[in-house]
N, C-alpha and C. Protein backbone atom coordinates (compact mmCIF):
# COMPACT_ATOMS: atom_id res chain seq x y z
N MET A 1 2.48 -7.66 -19.99
CA MET A 1 3.12 -8.94 -19.68
C MET A 1 2.43 -9.62 -18.49
N GLN A 2 1.89 -8.86 -17.53
CA GLN A 2 1.22 -9.46 -16.37
C GLN A 2 0.09 -10.38 -16.81
N GLN A 3 -0.71 -9.90 -17.74
CA GLN A 3 -1.80 -10.72 -18.26
C GLN A 3 -1.22 -12.01 -18.85
N ASN A 4 -0.09 -11.91 -19.48
CA ASN A 4 0.56 -13.06 -20.09
C ASN A 4 0.90 -14.10 -19.03
N VAL A 5 1.42 -13.69 -17.87
CA VAL A 5 1.77 -14.65 -16.82
C VAL A 5 0.52 -15.36 -16.32
N THR A 6 -0.56 -14.64 -16.15
CA THR A 6 -1.79 -15.30 -15.69
C THR A 6 -2.31 -16.28 -16.73
N GLU A 7 -1.97 -16.05 -17.98
CA GLU A 7 -2.35 -16.98 -19.03
C GLU A 7 -1.40 -18.18 -19.11
N LEU A 8 -0.17 -18.01 -18.66
CA LEU A 8 0.82 -19.09 -18.70
C LEU A 8 0.55 -20.15 -17.63
N VAL A 9 0.14 -19.73 -16.46
CA VAL A 9 -0.02 -20.65 -15.33
C VAL A 9 -0.98 -21.80 -15.63
N PRO A 10 -2.14 -21.57 -16.24
CA PRO A 10 -3.02 -22.71 -16.53
C PRO A 10 -2.37 -23.75 -17.46
N LEU A 11 -1.60 -23.28 -18.43
CA LEU A 11 -0.92 -24.22 -19.31
C LEU A 11 0.13 -25.00 -18.53
N LEU A 12 0.92 -24.29 -17.74
CA LEU A 12 1.95 -24.95 -16.93
C LEU A 12 1.34 -25.97 -15.97
N ALA A 13 0.18 -25.65 -15.44
CA ALA A 13 -0.49 -26.57 -14.51
C ALA A 13 -1.03 -27.81 -15.22
N ARG A 14 -1.38 -27.69 -16.48
CA ARG A 14 -1.96 -28.80 -17.23
C ARG A 14 -0.93 -29.77 -17.80
N THR A 15 0.28 -29.33 -18.00
CA THR A 15 1.28 -30.17 -18.64
C THR A 15 1.46 -31.51 -17.93
N PRO A 16 1.65 -31.55 -16.60
CA PRO A 16 1.80 -32.87 -15.97
C PRO A 16 0.59 -33.77 -16.16
N LYS A 17 -0.61 -33.20 -16.14
CA LYS A 17 -1.82 -33.99 -16.34
C LYS A 17 -1.90 -34.52 -17.77
N ALA A 18 -1.52 -33.68 -18.73
CA ALA A 18 -1.54 -34.11 -20.13
C ALA A 18 -0.55 -35.25 -20.35
N LEU A 19 0.64 -35.10 -19.79
CA LEU A 19 1.65 -36.16 -19.92
C LEU A 19 1.18 -37.44 -19.25
N ASP A 20 0.59 -37.31 -18.08
CA ASP A 20 0.11 -38.47 -17.35
C ASP A 20 -0.97 -39.20 -18.14
N ALA A 21 -1.92 -38.44 -18.67
CA ALA A 21 -3.01 -39.05 -19.44
C ALA A 21 -2.49 -39.74 -20.70
N LEU A 22 -1.50 -39.16 -21.32
CA LEU A 22 -0.96 -39.72 -22.55
C LEU A 22 -0.06 -40.92 -22.31
N LEU A 23 0.73 -40.89 -21.25
CA LEU A 23 1.84 -41.85 -21.11
C LEU A 23 1.67 -42.95 -20.07
N ARG A 24 0.98 -42.68 -18.99
CA ARG A 24 0.93 -43.66 -17.89
C ARG A 24 0.35 -44.98 -18.38
N GLY A 25 1.09 -46.04 -18.12
CA GLY A 25 0.63 -47.38 -18.44
C GLY A 25 0.89 -47.85 -19.86
N LEU A 26 1.50 -47.00 -20.68
CA LEU A 26 1.79 -47.43 -22.04
C LEU A 26 2.92 -48.46 -22.05
N PRO A 27 2.90 -49.37 -23.01
CA PRO A 27 4.03 -50.30 -23.16
C PRO A 27 5.30 -49.53 -23.51
N GLU A 28 6.44 -50.09 -23.12
CA GLU A 28 7.72 -49.44 -23.39
C GLU A 28 8.00 -49.25 -24.88
N THR A 29 7.31 -49.99 -25.73
CA THR A 29 7.51 -49.79 -27.17
C THR A 29 7.14 -48.36 -27.57
N TRP A 30 6.24 -47.73 -26.84
CA TRP A 30 5.88 -46.34 -27.11
C TRP A 30 6.84 -45.36 -26.44
N THR A 31 7.38 -45.72 -25.29
CA THR A 31 8.08 -44.74 -24.47
C THR A 31 9.60 -44.89 -24.42
N HIS A 32 10.13 -46.01 -24.88
CA HIS A 32 11.57 -46.23 -24.76
C HIS A 32 12.27 -46.39 -26.11
N ARG A 33 11.59 -46.06 -27.18
CA ARG A 33 12.22 -46.07 -28.50
C ARG A 33 12.35 -44.62 -28.96
N ASN A 34 13.41 -44.35 -29.72
CA ASN A 34 13.64 -42.99 -30.18
C ASN A 34 13.54 -42.91 -31.70
N GLU A 35 13.98 -41.80 -32.26
CA GLU A 35 13.95 -41.61 -33.70
C GLU A 35 15.30 -41.92 -34.35
N GLY A 36 16.20 -42.53 -33.60
CA GLY A 36 17.52 -42.87 -34.11
C GLY A 36 18.53 -41.75 -33.93
N ASP A 37 19.77 -42.03 -34.32
CA ASP A 37 20.84 -41.03 -34.31
C ASP A 37 21.01 -40.32 -32.96
N GLY A 38 20.93 -41.05 -31.86
CA GLY A 38 21.13 -40.45 -30.55
C GLY A 38 20.01 -39.54 -30.08
N SER A 39 18.85 -39.62 -30.74
CA SER A 39 17.72 -38.79 -30.33
C SER A 39 17.14 -39.31 -29.02
N TRP A 40 16.32 -38.51 -28.40
CA TRP A 40 15.72 -38.88 -27.12
C TRP A 40 14.43 -39.65 -27.33
N ASN A 41 14.18 -40.59 -26.42
CA ASN A 41 12.89 -41.25 -26.41
C ASN A 41 11.97 -40.50 -25.44
N VAL A 42 10.75 -40.95 -25.31
CA VAL A 42 9.77 -40.29 -24.44
C VAL A 42 10.26 -40.26 -23.00
N PHE A 43 10.83 -41.34 -22.53
CA PHE A 43 11.36 -41.42 -21.16
C PHE A 43 12.43 -40.35 -20.96
N ASP A 44 13.31 -40.19 -21.93
CA ASP A 44 14.38 -39.18 -21.85
C ASP A 44 13.81 -37.77 -21.79
N VAL A 45 12.81 -37.50 -22.62
CA VAL A 45 12.20 -36.17 -22.66
C VAL A 45 11.56 -35.86 -21.31
N LEU A 46 10.85 -36.82 -20.75
CA LEU A 46 10.22 -36.62 -19.46
C LEU A 46 11.27 -36.40 -18.37
N GLY A 47 12.35 -37.15 -18.41
CA GLY A 47 13.45 -36.94 -17.46
C GLY A 47 14.04 -35.55 -17.59
N HIS A 48 14.20 -35.08 -18.81
CA HIS A 48 14.71 -33.72 -19.06
C HIS A 48 13.75 -32.68 -18.48
N MET A 49 12.47 -32.87 -18.68
CA MET A 49 11.49 -31.91 -18.17
C MET A 49 11.53 -31.85 -16.65
N ALA A 50 11.67 -33.01 -16.00
CA ALA A 50 11.77 -33.02 -14.54
C ALA A 50 13.05 -32.34 -14.08
N HIS A 51 14.14 -32.59 -14.79
CA HIS A 51 15.41 -31.95 -14.44
C HIS A 51 15.31 -30.43 -14.58
N CYS A 52 14.71 -29.96 -15.66
CA CYS A 52 14.53 -28.52 -15.86
C CYS A 52 13.64 -27.92 -14.78
N GLU A 53 12.65 -28.67 -14.39
CA GLU A 53 11.74 -28.17 -13.35
C GLU A 53 12.50 -27.93 -12.04
N ARG A 54 13.44 -28.78 -11.76
CA ARG A 54 14.21 -28.67 -10.52
C ARG A 54 15.31 -27.62 -10.63
N HIS A 55 15.95 -27.50 -11.79
CA HIS A 55 17.19 -26.71 -11.88
C HIS A 55 17.11 -25.49 -12.80
N ASP A 56 15.99 -25.28 -13.47
CA ASP A 56 15.97 -24.20 -14.47
C ASP A 56 14.98 -23.10 -14.12
N TRP A 57 13.72 -23.32 -14.28
CA TRP A 57 12.73 -22.24 -14.32
C TRP A 57 12.65 -21.41 -13.05
N MET A 58 12.21 -21.98 -11.97
CA MET A 58 12.07 -21.20 -10.74
C MET A 58 13.43 -20.82 -10.14
N PRO A 59 14.45 -21.68 -10.18
CA PRO A 59 15.75 -21.23 -9.68
C PRO A 59 16.27 -20.00 -10.44
N ARG A 60 16.08 -19.98 -11.74
CA ARG A 60 16.53 -18.82 -12.52
C ARG A 60 15.65 -17.60 -12.25
N ALA A 61 14.35 -17.81 -12.07
CA ALA A 61 13.47 -16.69 -11.72
C ALA A 61 13.91 -16.08 -10.40
N ARG A 62 14.27 -16.91 -9.44
CA ARG A 62 14.73 -16.39 -8.14
C ARG A 62 16.04 -15.62 -8.27
N ILE A 63 16.93 -16.10 -9.13
CA ILE A 63 18.19 -15.38 -9.35
C ILE A 63 17.89 -13.99 -9.89
N ILE A 64 17.00 -13.90 -10.86
CA ILE A 64 16.65 -12.58 -11.41
C ILE A 64 16.06 -11.70 -10.33
N LEU A 65 15.14 -12.23 -9.54
CA LEU A 65 14.47 -11.42 -8.52
C LEU A 65 15.42 -10.99 -7.40
N GLU A 66 16.37 -11.84 -7.07
CA GLU A 66 17.25 -11.55 -5.94
C GLU A 66 18.54 -10.84 -6.34
N ALA A 67 19.05 -11.11 -7.55
CA ALA A 67 20.37 -10.58 -7.90
C ALA A 67 20.42 -9.91 -9.26
N GLY A 68 19.36 -10.03 -10.04
CA GLY A 68 19.36 -9.42 -11.37
C GLY A 68 20.48 -9.97 -12.23
N GLU A 69 21.15 -9.07 -12.93
CA GLU A 69 22.21 -9.46 -13.85
C GLU A 69 23.55 -9.73 -13.15
N THR A 70 23.62 -9.46 -11.85
CA THR A 70 24.91 -9.59 -11.17
C THR A 70 25.33 -11.04 -10.94
N VAL A 71 24.36 -11.94 -10.94
CA VAL A 71 24.66 -13.37 -10.78
C VAL A 71 24.17 -14.10 -12.01
N PRO A 72 25.09 -14.58 -12.86
CA PRO A 72 24.64 -15.30 -14.06
C PRO A 72 23.99 -16.63 -13.69
N PHE A 73 23.07 -17.07 -14.53
CA PHE A 73 22.47 -18.39 -14.33
C PHE A 73 23.55 -19.45 -14.46
N PRO A 74 23.52 -20.47 -13.61
CA PRO A 74 24.42 -21.60 -13.86
C PRO A 74 24.00 -22.30 -15.14
N PRO A 75 24.94 -22.78 -15.93
CA PRO A 75 24.57 -23.51 -17.15
C PRO A 75 23.73 -24.74 -16.81
N LEU A 76 22.76 -25.03 -17.65
CA LEU A 76 21.93 -26.22 -17.46
C LEU A 76 22.64 -27.41 -18.09
N ASP A 77 22.83 -28.45 -17.33
CA ASP A 77 23.44 -29.68 -17.84
C ASP A 77 22.36 -30.43 -18.63
N ARG A 78 22.47 -30.40 -19.94
CA ARG A 78 21.44 -30.99 -20.80
C ARG A 78 21.50 -32.51 -20.86
N THR A 79 22.43 -33.12 -20.14
CA THR A 79 22.48 -34.59 -20.08
C THR A 79 22.29 -35.12 -18.67
N ALA A 80 22.14 -34.25 -17.69
CA ALA A 80 22.01 -34.68 -16.29
C ALA A 80 20.80 -35.57 -16.07
N HIS A 81 19.76 -35.38 -16.86
CA HIS A 81 18.55 -36.17 -16.68
C HIS A 81 18.79 -37.65 -16.92
N PHE A 82 19.80 -37.98 -17.74
CA PHE A 82 20.09 -39.40 -17.96
C PHE A 82 20.53 -40.06 -16.66
N ARG A 83 21.36 -39.38 -15.89
CA ARG A 83 21.81 -39.90 -14.60
C ARG A 83 20.69 -39.86 -13.56
N ALA A 84 19.95 -38.76 -13.54
CA ALA A 84 18.89 -38.58 -12.55
C ALA A 84 17.72 -39.55 -12.76
N SER A 85 17.50 -39.98 -13.99
CA SER A 85 16.38 -40.87 -14.30
C SER A 85 16.74 -42.34 -14.19
N GLU A 86 18.02 -42.61 -14.08
CA GLU A 86 18.47 -44.00 -14.07
C GLU A 86 17.79 -44.79 -12.94
N GLY A 87 17.26 -45.95 -13.30
CA GLY A 87 16.62 -46.82 -12.32
C GLY A 87 15.17 -46.46 -12.02
N LYS A 88 14.66 -45.40 -12.59
CA LYS A 88 13.27 -44.99 -12.35
C LYS A 88 12.36 -45.59 -13.43
N THR A 89 11.11 -45.74 -13.07
CA THR A 89 10.11 -46.14 -14.05
C THR A 89 9.50 -44.87 -14.66
N LEU A 90 8.82 -45.03 -15.76
CA LEU A 90 8.13 -43.91 -16.37
C LEU A 90 7.10 -43.33 -15.39
N GLU A 91 6.41 -44.18 -14.68
CA GLU A 91 5.41 -43.72 -13.73
C GLU A 91 6.05 -42.90 -12.61
N GLU A 92 7.22 -43.32 -12.16
CA GLU A 92 7.94 -42.54 -11.13
C GLU A 92 8.33 -41.17 -11.66
N LEU A 93 8.76 -41.12 -12.92
CA LEU A 93 9.11 -39.83 -13.52
C LEU A 93 7.89 -38.94 -13.68
N LEU A 94 6.76 -39.52 -14.08
CA LEU A 94 5.52 -38.74 -14.18
C LEU A 94 5.15 -38.15 -12.82
N ASP A 95 5.23 -38.96 -11.77
CA ASP A 95 4.90 -38.50 -10.43
C ASP A 95 5.88 -37.42 -9.96
N GLN A 96 7.17 -37.64 -10.25
CA GLN A 96 8.19 -36.67 -9.85
C GLN A 96 7.96 -35.34 -10.56
N PHE A 97 7.73 -35.40 -11.86
CA PHE A 97 7.50 -34.16 -12.61
C PHE A 97 6.27 -33.43 -12.08
N ALA A 98 5.19 -34.15 -11.83
CA ALA A 98 3.96 -33.52 -11.32
C ALA A 98 4.20 -32.85 -9.97
N ALA A 99 4.94 -33.51 -9.10
CA ALA A 99 5.22 -32.93 -7.77
C ALA A 99 6.11 -31.69 -7.90
N LEU A 100 7.13 -31.78 -8.74
CA LEU A 100 8.02 -30.64 -8.93
C LEU A 100 7.28 -29.46 -9.55
N ARG A 101 6.43 -29.72 -10.52
CA ARG A 101 5.67 -28.64 -11.15
C ARG A 101 4.71 -28.00 -10.15
N ALA A 102 4.05 -28.81 -9.35
CA ALA A 102 3.13 -28.25 -8.35
C ALA A 102 3.90 -27.33 -7.39
N GLU A 103 5.06 -27.77 -6.97
CA GLU A 103 5.90 -26.95 -6.08
C GLU A 103 6.32 -25.66 -6.78
N SER A 104 6.69 -25.75 -8.04
CA SER A 104 7.09 -24.56 -8.80
C SER A 104 5.93 -23.56 -8.90
N LEU A 105 4.75 -24.06 -9.17
CA LEU A 105 3.61 -23.16 -9.34
C LEU A 105 3.20 -22.50 -8.02
N VAL A 106 3.33 -23.22 -6.93
CA VAL A 106 3.08 -22.61 -5.62
C VAL A 106 4.06 -21.47 -5.41
N GLY A 107 5.33 -21.72 -5.73
CA GLY A 107 6.35 -20.69 -5.59
C GLY A 107 6.10 -19.50 -6.50
N LEU A 108 5.70 -19.75 -7.72
CA LEU A 108 5.43 -18.68 -8.67
C LEU A 108 4.26 -17.82 -8.21
N LYS A 109 3.19 -18.46 -7.77
CA LYS A 109 2.02 -17.71 -7.31
C LYS A 109 2.33 -16.90 -6.05
N ALA A 110 3.20 -17.42 -5.19
CA ALA A 110 3.55 -16.73 -3.95
C ALA A 110 4.30 -15.43 -4.21
N ILE A 111 5.02 -15.36 -5.32
CA ILE A 111 5.78 -14.15 -5.65
C ILE A 111 4.84 -12.99 -5.98
N ASN A 112 3.68 -13.31 -6.58
CA ASN A 112 2.71 -12.28 -6.96
C ASN A 112 3.39 -11.19 -7.79
N LEU A 113 3.89 -11.60 -8.93
CA LEU A 113 4.72 -10.74 -9.78
C LEU A 113 4.01 -9.47 -10.22
N THR A 114 4.79 -8.41 -10.30
CA THR A 114 4.31 -7.14 -10.82
C THR A 114 4.82 -6.95 -12.24
N GLU A 115 4.24 -5.99 -12.96
CA GLU A 115 4.71 -5.66 -14.32
C GLU A 115 6.19 -5.29 -14.28
N ALA A 116 6.57 -4.52 -13.28
CA ALA A 116 7.98 -4.09 -13.18
C ALA A 116 8.91 -5.28 -12.98
N GLN A 117 8.51 -6.24 -12.18
CA GLN A 117 9.37 -7.42 -11.95
C GLN A 117 9.57 -8.23 -13.23
N LEU A 118 8.55 -8.27 -14.07
CA LEU A 118 8.67 -9.04 -15.31
C LEU A 118 9.70 -8.44 -16.26
N GLU A 119 10.02 -7.19 -16.07
CA GLU A 119 11.04 -6.52 -16.89
C GLU A 119 12.44 -6.64 -16.29
N LEU A 120 12.55 -7.21 -15.07
CA LEU A 120 13.86 -7.39 -14.46
C LEU A 120 14.70 -8.30 -15.34
N LYS A 121 16.00 -8.07 -15.31
CA LYS A 121 16.90 -8.79 -16.21
C LYS A 121 17.81 -9.74 -15.46
N GLY A 122 18.13 -10.83 -16.15
CA GLY A 122 19.09 -11.80 -15.66
C GLY A 122 20.12 -12.06 -16.74
N GLN A 123 21.13 -12.84 -16.37
CA GLN A 123 22.23 -13.11 -17.30
C GLN A 123 22.25 -14.60 -17.64
N HIS A 124 21.83 -14.93 -18.86
CA HIS A 124 21.83 -16.31 -19.34
C HIS A 124 23.23 -16.64 -19.86
N PRO A 125 23.73 -17.87 -19.60
CA PRO A 125 25.10 -18.20 -20.02
C PRO A 125 25.31 -18.21 -21.53
N ALA A 126 24.27 -18.44 -22.31
CA ALA A 126 24.43 -18.47 -23.77
C ALA A 126 23.81 -17.25 -24.46
N PHE A 127 22.70 -16.74 -23.93
CA PHE A 127 21.96 -15.68 -24.60
C PHE A 127 22.28 -14.28 -24.10
N GLY A 128 22.96 -14.19 -22.97
CA GLY A 128 23.20 -12.87 -22.39
C GLY A 128 21.99 -12.41 -21.61
N VAL A 129 21.65 -11.13 -21.75
CA VAL A 129 20.59 -10.53 -20.96
C VAL A 129 19.22 -11.04 -21.42
N VAL A 130 18.42 -11.50 -20.44
CA VAL A 130 17.04 -11.93 -20.67
C VAL A 130 16.17 -11.34 -19.57
N THR A 131 14.88 -11.20 -19.83
CA THR A 131 13.98 -10.69 -18.80
C THR A 131 13.27 -11.84 -18.10
N LEU A 132 12.75 -11.54 -16.94
CA LEU A 132 11.96 -12.52 -16.21
C LEU A 132 10.73 -12.92 -17.01
N GLY A 133 10.11 -11.96 -17.68
CA GLY A 133 8.95 -12.27 -18.52
C GLY A 133 9.30 -13.24 -19.63
N GLU A 134 10.45 -13.04 -20.25
CA GLU A 134 10.89 -13.96 -21.31
C GLU A 134 11.14 -15.35 -20.75
N LEU A 135 11.76 -15.43 -19.59
CA LEU A 135 12.02 -16.73 -18.95
C LEU A 135 10.71 -17.47 -18.69
N LEU A 136 9.73 -16.78 -18.13
CA LEU A 136 8.46 -17.44 -17.80
C LEU A 136 7.70 -17.86 -19.05
N THR A 137 7.73 -17.05 -20.08
CA THR A 137 7.07 -17.44 -21.33
C THR A 137 7.77 -18.64 -21.96
N THR A 138 9.09 -18.64 -21.89
CA THR A 138 9.86 -19.76 -22.43
C THR A 138 9.52 -21.05 -21.70
N TRP A 139 9.26 -20.97 -20.41
CA TRP A 139 8.89 -22.14 -19.61
C TRP A 139 7.67 -22.82 -20.23
N ALA A 140 6.65 -22.04 -20.53
CA ALA A 140 5.42 -22.61 -21.11
C ALA A 140 5.67 -23.14 -22.53
N VAL A 141 6.41 -22.40 -23.32
CA VAL A 141 6.68 -22.84 -24.69
C VAL A 141 7.59 -24.07 -24.68
N HIS A 142 8.47 -24.17 -23.69
CA HIS A 142 9.31 -25.36 -23.52
C HIS A 142 8.41 -26.59 -23.30
N ASP A 143 7.39 -26.44 -22.49
CA ASP A 143 6.43 -27.54 -22.30
C ASP A 143 5.81 -27.95 -23.63
N LEU A 144 5.34 -26.96 -24.39
CA LEU A 144 4.70 -27.26 -25.67
C LEU A 144 5.67 -27.90 -26.65
N THR A 145 6.91 -27.45 -26.63
CA THR A 145 7.94 -28.04 -27.49
C THR A 145 8.10 -29.52 -27.19
N HIS A 146 8.16 -29.85 -25.90
CA HIS A 146 8.38 -31.25 -25.54
C HIS A 146 7.12 -32.10 -25.69
N LEU A 147 5.94 -31.51 -25.56
CA LEU A 147 4.71 -32.26 -25.87
C LEU A 147 4.69 -32.61 -27.36
N HIS A 148 5.09 -31.67 -28.18
CA HIS A 148 5.20 -31.92 -29.61
C HIS A 148 6.24 -33.00 -29.89
N GLN A 149 7.39 -32.88 -29.25
CA GLN A 149 8.47 -33.86 -29.45
C GLN A 149 8.01 -35.26 -29.04
N ILE A 150 7.33 -35.36 -27.91
CA ILE A 150 6.83 -36.66 -27.45
C ILE A 150 5.86 -37.26 -28.47
N SER A 151 4.95 -36.45 -28.97
CA SER A 151 4.00 -36.93 -29.98
C SER A 151 4.73 -37.42 -31.22
N ARG A 152 5.72 -36.65 -31.65
CA ARG A 152 6.47 -37.01 -32.85
C ARG A 152 7.25 -38.31 -32.66
N VAL A 153 7.90 -38.46 -31.50
CA VAL A 153 8.67 -39.68 -31.23
C VAL A 153 7.75 -40.90 -31.16
N MET A 154 6.59 -40.73 -30.56
CA MET A 154 5.65 -41.84 -30.48
C MET A 154 5.12 -42.20 -31.86
N ALA A 155 4.78 -41.21 -32.66
CA ALA A 155 4.28 -41.47 -34.01
C ALA A 155 5.34 -42.15 -34.85
N TYR A 156 6.58 -41.80 -34.64
CA TYR A 156 7.69 -42.38 -35.40
C TYR A 156 7.72 -43.90 -35.26
N GLN A 157 7.30 -44.39 -34.11
CA GLN A 157 7.32 -45.84 -33.87
C GLN A 157 6.35 -46.58 -34.81
N GLN A 158 5.38 -45.85 -35.33
CA GLN A 158 4.37 -46.48 -36.20
C GLN A 158 4.49 -46.04 -37.66
N ARG A 159 5.57 -45.39 -38.00
CA ARG A 159 5.72 -44.79 -39.33
C ARG A 159 5.56 -45.81 -40.46
N GLU A 160 6.02 -47.03 -40.25
CA GLU A 160 5.95 -48.03 -41.31
C GLU A 160 4.58 -48.70 -41.37
N ASN A 161 3.79 -48.54 -40.33
CA ASN A 161 2.51 -49.23 -40.25
C ASN A 161 1.33 -48.41 -40.77
N VAL A 162 1.54 -47.14 -41.10
CA VAL A 162 0.43 -46.31 -41.56
C VAL A 162 0.26 -46.33 -43.07
N GLY A 163 1.20 -46.94 -43.75
CA GLY A 163 1.08 -47.05 -45.20
C GLY A 163 1.06 -45.69 -45.87
N PRO A 164 0.21 -45.56 -46.90
CA PRO A 164 0.21 -44.33 -47.69
C PRO A 164 -0.29 -43.10 -46.92
N TRP A 165 -0.95 -43.29 -45.78
CA TRP A 165 -1.44 -42.15 -45.01
C TRP A 165 -0.29 -41.29 -44.47
N SER A 166 0.92 -41.82 -44.49
CA SER A 166 2.05 -41.02 -44.00
C SER A 166 2.17 -39.69 -44.72
N ALA A 167 1.71 -39.62 -45.95
CA ALA A 167 1.75 -38.36 -46.69
C ALA A 167 0.91 -37.27 -46.03
N TYR A 168 -0.08 -37.66 -45.25
CA TYR A 168 -0.98 -36.71 -44.60
C TYR A 168 -0.69 -36.50 -43.12
N LEU A 169 0.29 -37.16 -42.59
CA LEU A 169 0.55 -37.13 -41.15
C LEU A 169 1.81 -36.33 -40.86
N GLY A 170 1.63 -35.04 -40.64
CA GLY A 170 2.74 -34.14 -40.38
C GLY A 170 3.58 -34.53 -39.19
N VAL A 171 3.00 -35.23 -38.23
CA VAL A 171 3.74 -35.62 -37.03
C VAL A 171 4.88 -36.60 -37.38
N LEU A 172 4.81 -37.21 -38.53
CA LEU A 172 5.86 -38.14 -38.93
C LEU A 172 7.06 -37.43 -39.56
N LYS A 173 6.97 -36.15 -39.73
CA LYS A 173 8.09 -35.38 -40.27
C LYS A 173 9.03 -35.02 -39.13
N LYS A 174 10.23 -35.56 -39.14
CA LYS A 174 11.20 -35.32 -38.07
C LYS A 174 11.71 -33.89 -38.13
N GLY A 175 11.84 -33.30 -36.91
CA GLY A 175 12.46 -31.98 -36.82
C GLY A 175 11.55 -30.84 -36.86
């Protein structure tokens, strides 16, 4: 698992740069439209990622390291980002996420995790017992999930304009 953590950090470090390169300066038609039915737009996804960065990954890692299973993780408010992002621009959210991620990675590197620490257990409010290694791997896969979601939501905005090519564009398949 130790090798796995060293492989996760480069991906975690690249996510803010990838988001910035993809999103900064785009018209709101790309970033503020969703797929319908109460789905999230790109702005919402970015707000969620910033919220998770502040309240999920490293705070939960610290709980595992300091208290193990004796202190359950506080539930993550999956709608708090709507309030936290209110009044912000997309560029402000990109900057906020990048700063929060940089701070998280400094904290993660400072811990200098051992193989034994990665097997330490915490108490997730929905899943029960989880390991620190699982939490850290989920952090990276969470990034990839939302990069995929952002691409899909953006492609959805052009679904009617691609004509017959939609048959070949998997990104247009919702879900």
